[in-house]
Amino acid sequence: MNGLEEWTSGLEAVMSPIPEREAAAVEAARAFAREVIEPNAVAWDEAGRVPAQAFREAAGRGLCGLTVPEALGGRGLAMPAMALAVEAFASACMASAFSFVVHNNLARNLSRNGTPAQQSRWLPSLIAGERIGAFLLTEPQGGSDAAAITTTARRDGSAWRLDGVKAWASNAAGAHLLSVYAQTDPCARWRGIACFLVEADAPGVVREPAYRLLGGHAVGAGGFRFDGCRVNADAVLLGPGDGFKAAMAGIDFARVNVAAMCCGMLGRSLDTALGFSARRRSFGRTTLEHQGLQWLLADVATDLEAARLLTARAAALLDGGGDGHTLAAAHAKKFATRAALARIGDCMQAMGAPGLLTEHPLARHLACAKMAQYLDGTTEIQNVVIGRAIARGPLADSGAS
């Protein structure tokens, strides 16, 4: 079996059929994963970023504006199709997949919230892969408490002055356009947070060195410092209060994507372990014929199926726009990231020492599975979401204990 062909269709098996137009975009994503990401994953990890040329090549296949409406030059994918596309990307390399997703999400934000002038100025270059986008919300001291950001935006005549430090920004190593969340009124907490579009080479913007991580360096994670960066009024993408609300609204979208990426990594890891175990022999038979190994991989397959179902449900609810999608996204992200970390390790164990070799993708996936537990809200934050939901459920309302 070939993981990029066999297991990236896993989510598709538990989802409702998607429109033919969207299916073509998903197939383009699978081809890009197979032909571009897979052969270059190790090199991109060593380089610490996805190169600009890869974004341009992705754009040539229509993969840099996946959820941007067709009227604005994008592919107009709904959430289920987007999940299938990022699952395919991540089956080759999750760090690279997340880099492309962050870029796509900035284009999505612009298409939904930008003025016509902002859209005409920035969207074409983002969709064409000529500029790489990044999302700057997190700060060194803030972590998951996004409302506590201390980067300030102060009026400077008709313009704004930005000061502060941002951390853990994906694509920081090579980004050209930054969506920067800053506090306009510290007394207002989240109601004072606005979002600004800032060019990475603007005066007063300092790109910090990229982080050295356990793995997943292709995501290009790093930080920026803003020292009296002056931007015009037309750089305001979302005004005070609206910036924070939009950031939180995008979190559910991001969590479903992370869950889909974990499905992609875990499916590819299971495929790799099965193929290897079907060829390797021990004690006169293939290792896959030993019951102990079959049971180990059976547990992997069960968790993969569960992760796919949770992700598919969250994608469908998010696309429908009804109640329950925030809780569904939290369940999917929590379970899929936990399953990926534990079960990719089991796939490596099934392969024995060869599972450690870099010629197989499992070690790369294992590092990214740990990274996934921090992205777009830690596992503990998912428990906060889930815990609050069950606390205000029917039993809580009735006073039952």
Protein backbone atom coordinates (compact mmCIF):
# COMPACT_ATOMS: atom_id res chain seq x y z
CA MET A 1 0.00 0.00 0.00
CA ASN A 2 0.98 3.61 -0.51
CA GLY A 3 0.01 5.86 2.41
CA LEU A 4 -0.59 8.92 0.28
CA GLU A 5 -3.11 6.98 -1.80
CA GLU A 6 -4.57 4.55 0.72
CA TRP A 7 -4.93 6.38 4.00
CA THR A 8 -5.45 10.01 3.00
CA SER A 9 -8.88 8.95 1.78
CA GLY A 10 -9.73 7.83 5.31
CA LEU A 11 -11.72 10.92 6.27
CA GLU A 12 -13.50 10.76 2.95
CA ALA A 13 -14.81 7.31 3.88
CA VAL A 14 -16.70 8.71 6.89
CA MET A 15 -17.87 11.98 5.35
CA SER A 16 -20.79 12.77 3.14
CA PRO A 17 -19.82 13.10 -0.53
CA ILE A 18 -18.40 16.49 -1.43
CA PRO A 19 -19.19 18.39 -4.65
CA GLU A 20 -17.22 17.43 -7.74
CA ARG A 21 -15.62 20.88 -7.87
CA GLU A 22 -14.33 20.48 -4.32
CA ALA A 23 -13.23 16.90 -4.97
CA ALA A 24 -10.94 18.20 -7.72
CA ALA A 25 -9.25 20.52 -5.22
CA VAL A 26 -8.78 17.63 -2.77
CA GLU A 27 -7.18 15.54 -5.52
CA ALA A 28 -4.87 18.45 -6.29
CA ALA A 29 -3.87 18.52 -2.61
CA ARG A 30 -3.14 14.79 -2.64
CA ALA A 31 -1.04 15.10 -5.76
CA PHE A 32 0.88 18.03 -4.26
CA ALA A 33 1.52 16.03 -1.07
CA ARG A 34 2.76 13.06 -3.07
CA GLU A 35 4.83 14.94 -5.65
CA VAL A 36 6.15 17.95 -3.70
CA ILE A 37 5.80 17.69 0.07
CA GLU A 38 6.81 14.04 0.45
CA PRO A 39 10.13 14.23 -1.47
CA ASN A 40 11.11 17.49 0.26
CA ALA A 41 9.86 16.98 3.82
CA VAL A 42 13.27 16.17 5.31
CA ALA A 43 15.01 19.01 3.48
CA TRP A 44 12.35 21.52 4.55
CA ASP A 45 12.64 20.36 8.14
CA GLU A 46 16.41 20.88 8.00
CA ALA A 47 15.97 24.30 6.38
CA GLY A 48 13.46 25.34 9.05
CA ARG A 49 10.74 26.50 6.67
CA VAL A 50 8.66 25.71 3.63
CA PRO A 51 10.43 27.62 0.84
CA ALA A 52 8.76 30.41 -1.09
CA GLN A 53 8.97 28.38 -4.29
CA ALA A 54 6.79 25.67 -2.73
CA PHE A 55 4.08 28.22 -1.99
CA ARG A 56 4.20 29.38 -5.59
CA GLU A 57 3.95 25.81 -6.81
CA ALA A 58 1.03 25.14 -4.46
CA ALA A 59 -0.62 28.29 -5.76
CA GLY A 60 -0.21 27.03 -9.31
CA ARG A 61 -2.38 24.08 -8.30
CA GLY A 62 -4.97 26.31 -6.61
CA LEU A 63 -3.94 25.43 -3.05
CA CYS A 64 -3.23 28.86 -1.56
CA GLY A 65 -6.80 30.13 -1.42
CA LEU A 66 -8.64 26.96 -0.52
CA THR A 67 -11.50 28.56 1.45
CA VAL A 68 -11.50 31.93 -0.31
CA PRO A 69 -14.70 32.35 -2.35
CA GLU A 70 -14.37 31.73 -6.07
CA ALA A 71 -15.53 35.27 -6.74
CA LEU A 72 -12.35 36.49 -5.04
CA GLY A 73 -10.06 34.06 -6.85
CA GLY A 74 -10.06 31.12 -4.44
CA ARG A 75 -11.35 27.54 -4.50
CA GLY A 76 -14.30 28.15 -2.18
CA LEU A 77 -13.98 24.91 -0.23
CA ALA A 78 -16.36 24.07 2.58
CA MET A 79 -14.96 22.66 5.82
CA PRO A 80 -15.25 18.94 4.99
CA ALA A 81 -13.26 19.38 1.78
CA MET A 82 -10.71 21.57 3.56
CA ALA A 83 -10.24 18.83 6.15
CA LEU A 84 -9.59 16.29 3.39
CA ALA A 85 -7.01 18.56 1.80
CA VAL A 86 -5.05 19.17 4.99
CA GLU A 87 -5.25 15.48 5.89
CA ALA A 88 -3.48 14.79 2.60
CA PHE A 89 -0.82 17.44 3.26
CA ALA A 90 -0.13 16.11 6.75
CA SER A 91 0.17 12.49 5.66
CA ALA A 92 3.41 13.63 4.06
CA CYS A 93 4.50 16.23 6.67
CA MET A 94 2.32 17.92 9.27
CA ALA A 95 4.71 20.83 9.83
CA SER A 96 4.53 21.67 6.15
CA ALA A 97 0.77 21.17 6.19
CA PHE A 98 0.37 23.60 9.06
CA SER A 99 2.50 26.16 7.26
CA PHE A 100 0.14 26.03 4.27
CA VAL A 101 -2.93 26.09 6.53
CA VAL A 102 -1.77 29.23 8.36
CA HIS A 103 -1.21 30.93 5.02
CA ASN A 104 -4.64 29.82 3.78
CA ASN A 105 -6.27 31.03 6.97
CA LEU A 106 -4.93 34.56 6.52
CA ALA A 107 -6.37 34.58 3.01
CA ARG A 108 -9.65 33.29 4.47
CA ASN A 109 -9.67 36.03 7.11
CA LEU A 110 -9.09 38.70 4.48
CA SER A 111 -11.83 37.32 2.26
CA ARG A 112 -14.32 37.36 5.14
CA ASN A 113 -13.36 40.53 7.00
CA GLY A 114 -11.23 42.72 4.75
CA THR A 115 -12.40 45.85 3.00
CA PRO A 116 -12.56 45.76 -0.80
CA ALA A 117 -9.37 47.85 -0.85
CA GLN A 118 -7.57 45.42 1.46
CA GLN A 119 -8.77 42.45 -0.53
CA SER A 120 -7.63 43.90 -3.85
CA ARG A 121 -4.25 44.83 -2.36
CA TRP A 122 -3.38 41.58 -0.58
CA LEU A 123 -5.53 38.65 -1.71
CA PRO A 124 -4.12 38.22 -5.23
CA SER A 125 -0.53 37.92 -3.98
CA LEU A 126 -1.52 35.52 -1.18
CA ILE A 127 -3.54 33.30 -3.53
CA ALA A 128 -0.66 33.38 -6.04
CA GLY A 129 1.82 32.33 -3.34
CA GLU A 130 3.88 35.45 -3.95
CA ARG A 131 3.51 36.53 -0.33
CA ILE A 132 3.46 34.17 2.64
CA GLY A 133 1.07 34.91 5.50
CA ALA A 134 1.39 34.51 9.27
CA PHE A 135 -0.93 34.83 12.29
CA LEU A 136 0.47 36.72 15.32
CA LEU A 137 -1.70 36.32 18.40
CA THR A 138 0.35 34.41 20.98
CA GLU A 139 2.90 36.18 23.22
CA PRO A 140 5.74 34.82 25.36
CA GLN A 141 3.93 35.37 28.65
CA GLY A 142 0.38 34.76 27.45
CA GLY A 143 0.11 31.22 26.13
CA SER A 144 -3.52 30.18 25.93
CA ASP A 145 -4.81 33.38 27.59
CA ALA A 146 -5.21 35.26 24.33
CA ALA A 147 -7.13 38.10 25.95
CA ALA A 148 -4.08 38.96 28.06
CA ILE A 149 -1.89 40.14 25.20
CA THR A 150 0.33 43.12 25.94
CA THR A 151 1.38 44.20 22.45
CA THR A 152 -0.07 47.70 22.19
CA ALA A 153 -1.56 49.71 19.37
CA ARG A 154 -1.70 53.43 20.11
CA ARG A 155 -3.08 56.23 17.99
CA ASP A 156 -0.38 58.24 16.27
CA GLY A 157 -2.20 60.99 14.44
CA SER A 158 -4.19 59.28 11.72
CA ALA A 159 -2.03 56.16 12.02
CA TRP A 160 -1.25 53.53 14.68
CA ARG A 161 1.98 52.69 16.52
CA LEU A 162 2.60 49.03 17.42
CA ASP A 163 4.92 47.97 20.28
CA GLY A 164 5.41 44.53 21.79
CA VAL A 165 6.57 40.97 21.23
CA LYS A 166 4.83 38.05 19.54
CA ALA A 167 5.82 34.39 19.93
CA TRP A 168 5.10 30.97 18.43
CA ALA A 169 4.10 32.32 15.06
CA SER A 170 4.02 29.69 12.32
CA ASN A 171 5.66 30.83 9.06
CA ALA A 172 7.65 33.42 11.04
CA ALA A 173 10.82 32.36 9.26
CA GLY A 174 9.61 33.42 5.82
CA ALA A 175 6.37 35.38 6.16
CA HIS A 176 5.79 38.59 4.21
CA LEU A 177 2.36 39.63 5.53
CA LEU A 178 1.48 39.49 9.23
CA SER A 179 -1.92 39.63 10.88
CA VAL A 180 -1.01 41.21 14.23
CA TYR A 181 -3.38 41.22 17.20
CA ALA A 182 -2.73 44.17 19.50
CA GLN A 183 -4.38 45.85 22.49
CA THR A 184 -5.76 49.33 21.89
CA ASP A 185 -7.10 49.78 25.44
CA PRO A 186 -5.66 47.60 28.24
CA CYS A 187 -8.59 48.40 30.51
CA ALA A 188 -10.98 46.89 27.97
CA ARG A 189 -9.33 43.43 27.93
CA TRP A 190 -10.63 41.48 24.92
CA ARG A 191 -12.86 44.35 23.80
CA GLY A 192 -9.77 46.43 23.06
CA ILE A 193 -8.02 43.89 20.83
CA ALA A 194 -7.77 44.77 17.14
CA CYS A 195 -6.09 43.08 14.18
CA PHE A 196 -3.62 44.88 11.90
CA LEU A 197 -2.11 43.88 8.57
CA VAL A 198 1.62 44.57 8.73
CA GLU A 199 4.35 43.89 6.19
CA ALA A 200 7.19 41.91 7.76
CA ASP A 201 9.85 44.24 6.33
CA ALA A 202 8.16 47.43 7.59
CA PRO A 203 10.25 49.81 9.75
CA GLY A 204 10.00 48.84 13.40
CA VAL A 205 9.38 45.13 12.74
CA VAL A 206 12.14 42.77 13.90
CA ARG A 207 12.02 39.11 12.91
CA GLU A 208 13.44 36.99 15.75
CA PRO A 209 15.50 33.82 15.08
CA ALA A 210 13.41 30.72 14.43
CA TYR A 211 12.98 28.27 17.29
CA ARG A 212 14.91 25.02 17.50
CA LEU A 213 12.35 22.36 18.35
CA LEU A 214 12.04 18.62 18.92
CA GLY A 215 10.94 18.44 15.29
CA GLY A 216 8.50 20.05 12.91
CA HIS A 217 10.90 22.80 11.89
CA ALA A 218 9.25 23.19 8.48
CA VAL A 219 6.50 25.17 10.21
CA GLY A 220 9.03 27.99 10.57
CA ALA A 221 7.97 28.84 14.13
CA GLY A 222 9.43 31.99 15.65
CA GLY A 223 8.61 35.43 16.91
CA PHE A 224 8.50 39.11 16.00
CA ARG A 225 9.25 42.27 17.92
CA PHE A 226 7.48 45.54 17.19
CA ASP A 227 9.38 48.66 18.16
CA GLY A 228 7.43 51.76 17.22
CA CYS A 229 6.07 50.17 14.03
CA ARG A 230 3.82 52.77 12.44
CA VAL A 231 0.97 51.61 10.21
CA ASN A 232 -1.73 53.60 8.46
CA ALA A 233 -5.41 53.44 9.36
CA ASP A 234 -6.08 51.25 6.34
CA ALA A 235 -3.99 48.51 7.98
CA VAL A 236 -6.82 47.79 10.45
CA LEU A 237 -8.35 44.51 9.37
CA LEU A 238 -10.59 44.21 12.43
CA GLY A 239 -11.30 46.99 14.91
CA PRO A 240 -11.20 46.85 18.71
CA GLY A 241 -13.23 43.94 20.03
CA ASP A 242 -13.91 42.55 16.57
CA GLY A 243 -10.30 41.40 16.34
CA PHE A 244 -10.54 39.11 19.34
CA LYS A 245 -13.97 37.77 18.37
CA ALA A 246 -12.76 36.93 14.88
CA ALA A 247 -9.65 35.22 16.25
CA MET A 248 -11.77 33.06 18.55
CA ALA A 249 -14.26 32.29 15.77
CA GLY A 250 -11.36 30.99 13.67
CA ILE A 251 -10.18 28.69 16.44
CA ASP A 252 -12.85 26.06 15.77
CA PHE A 253 -11.87 26.03 12.10
CA ALA A 254 -8.22 25.59 13.08
CA ARG A 255 -8.94 22.82 15.59
CA VAL A 256 -10.81 20.76 13.01
CA ASN A 257 -7.86 21.18 10.67
CA VAL A 258 -5.41 20.02 13.35
CA ALA A 259 -7.58 16.97 14.02
CA ALA A 260 -7.63 16.19 10.29
CA MET A 261 -3.84 16.51 10.15
CA CYS A 262 -3.52 14.01 13.00
CA CYS A 263 -5.71 11.60 11.05
CA GLY A 264 -3.38 12.02 8.08
CA MET A 265 -0.25 11.35 10.12
CA LEU A 266 -1.74 8.39 11.95
CA GLY A 267 -3.15 6.83 8.80
CA ARG A 268 0.22 7.12 7.07
CA SER A 269 2.00 5.66 10.10
CA LEU A 270 -0.35 2.67 10.24
CA ASP A 271 0.07 2.09 6.53
CA THR A 272 3.87 2.20 6.90
CA ALA A 273 3.85 -0.21 9.84
CA LEU A 274 1.53 -2.64 8.04
CA GLY A 275 3.59 -2.63 4.87
CA PHE A 276 6.86 -3.09 6.76
CA SER A 277 5.47 -5.85 8.98
CA ALA A 278 4.08 -7.72 5.99
CA ARG A 279 7.60 -7.92 4.52
CA ARG A 280 9.74 -8.46 7.61
CA ARG A 281 10.14 -12.06 8.80
CA SER A 282 10.82 -13.44 12.26
CA PHE A 283 10.60 -16.99 13.62
CA GLY A 284 9.69 -18.38 10.22
CA ARG A 285 6.83 -16.01 9.33
CA THR A 286 6.14 -12.36 8.73
CA THR A 287 5.93 -10.23 11.83
CA LEU A 288 2.41 -9.23 10.79
CA GLU A 289 1.34 -12.87 11.24
CA HIS A 290 2.15 -12.70 14.96
CA GLN A 291 -1.02 -12.13 16.99
CA GLY A 292 0.65 -9.73 19.42
CA LEU A 293 1.58 -7.34 16.62
CA GLN A 294 -1.84 -7.69 14.99
CA TRP A 295 -3.50 -6.67 18.25
CA LEU A 296 -1.18 -3.71 18.69
CA LEU A 297 -2.03 -2.41 15.24
CA ALA A 298 -5.71 -3.23 15.73
CA ASP A 299 -5.77 -0.72 18.58
CA VAL A 300 -4.13 1.82 16.26
CA ALA A 301 -6.81 1.19 13.64
CA THR A 302 -9.63 1.61 16.18
CA ASP A 303 -8.32 4.95 17.43
CA LEU A 304 -7.79 6.11 13.86
CA GLU A 305 -11.38 5.26 13.00
CA ALA A 306 -12.64 7.12 16.06
CA ALA A 307 -10.49 10.17 15.27
CA ARG A 308 -11.81 10.23 11.71
CA LEU A 309 -15.43 10.06 12.86
CA LEU A 310 -14.99 12.85 15.43
CA THR A 311 -13.22 15.01 12.85
CA ALA A 312 -15.84 14.38 10.18
CA ARG A 313 -18.63 15.26 12.62
CA ALA A 314 -16.91 18.47 13.71
CA ALA A 315 -16.31 19.47 10.09
CA ALA A 316 -19.97 18.89 9.20
CA LEU A 317 -21.24 20.84 12.21
CA LEU A 318 -18.87 23.73 11.58
CA ASP A 319 -19.92 23.89 7.96
CA GLY A 320 -23.58 23.89 8.96
CA GLY A 321 -23.10 26.89 11.23
CA GLY A 322 -25.41 25.55 13.92
CA ASP A 323 -24.91 24.97 17.62
CA GLY A 324 -22.44 22.42 18.87
CA HIS A 325 -19.52 22.98 16.52
CA THR A 326 -17.24 24.45 19.22
CA LEU A 327 -17.74 21.42 21.45
CA ALA A 328 -17.35 19.03 18.50
CA ALA A 329 -14.12 20.72 17.42
CA ALA A 330 -12.75 20.43 20.97
CA HIS A 331 -13.61 16.72 21.15
CA ALA A 332 -12.02 16.07 17.75
CA LYS A 333 -8.86 18.01 18.46
CA LYS A 334 -8.40 16.50 21.93
CA PHE A 335 -8.93 12.91 20.84
CA ALA A 336 -7.07 13.06 17.54
CA THR A 337 -3.96 14.65 19.03
CA ARG A 338 -3.85 12.17 21.90
CA ALA A 339 -4.41 9.24 19.57
CA ALA A 340 -1.74 10.41 17.15
CA LEU A 341 0.95 10.77 19.81
CA ALA A 342 0.26 7.40 21.42
CA ARG A 343 -0.50 5.36 18.33
CA ILE A 344 2.28 6.64 16.08
CA GLY A 345 4.58 5.42 18.84
CA ASP A 346 2.85 2.03 18.62
CA CYS A 347 3.41 1.95 14.86
CA MET A 348 7.10 2.61 15.45
CA GLN A 349 7.17 -0.17 18.05
CA ALA A 350 5.61 -2.57 15.56
CA MET A 351 8.50 -1.87 13.17
CA GLY A 352 11.18 -2.34 15.79
CA ALA A 353 14.37 -0.32 15.55
CA PRO A 354 13.86 0.44 11.82
CA GLY A 355 10.94 2.64 12.87
CA LEU A 356 13.52 5.14 14.10
CA LEU A 357 15.13 5.53 10.68
CA THR A 358 14.56 8.83 8.90
CA GLU A 359 13.84 6.97 5.66
CA HIS A 360 10.44 6.31 7.23
CA PRO A 361 8.13 9.21 8.14
CA LEU A 362 7.17 7.93 11.59
CA ALA A 363 9.80 9.78 13.65
CA ARG A 364 8.88 13.02 11.87
CA HIS A 365 5.21 12.37 12.52
CA LEU A 366 5.82 11.55 16.18
CA ALA A 367 7.46 14.92 16.82
CA CYS A 368 4.62 16.71 15.00
CA ALA A 369 2.01 14.75 16.94
CA LYS A 370 3.42 16.26 20.12
CA MET A 371 3.44 19.68 18.49
CA ALA A 372 -0.23 19.20 17.57
CA GLN A 373 -1.13 19.02 21.26
CA TYR A 374 -0.16 22.69 21.61
CA LEU A 375 -1.51 24.11 18.37
CA ASP A 376 -4.70 26.20 18.52
CA GLY A 377 -5.32 25.43 22.18
CA THR A 378 -3.66 22.78 24.31
CA THR A 379 -5.38 19.56 25.31
CA GLU A 380 -6.11 21.20 28.65
CA ILE A 381 -7.91 24.07 26.91
CA GLN A 382 -10.05 21.51 25.07
CA ASN A 383 -10.94 20.08 28.47
CA VAL A 384 -11.96 23.58 29.58
CA VAL A 385 -14.33 23.83 26.61
CA ILE A 386 -15.71 20.33 27.16
CA GLY A 387 -15.91 20.72 30.94
CA ARG A 388 -17.88 23.94 30.70
CA ALA A 389 -20.25 22.32 28.20
CA ILE A 390 -21.02 19.32 30.39
CA ALA A 391 -21.30 21.51 33.50
CA ARG A 392 -24.15 23.47 31.94
CA GLY A 393 -25.80 20.37 30.47
CA PRO A 394 -29.13 18.80 31.46
CA LEU A 395 -27.84 17.25 34.70
CA ALA A 396 -26.33 20.54 35.86
CA ASP A 397 -29.54 22.38 35.04
CA SER A 398 -31.61 19.91 37.05
CA GLY A 399 -29.39 20.12 40.10
CA ALA A 400 -28.61 16.39 39.94
CA SER A 401 -25.26 15.20 41.27
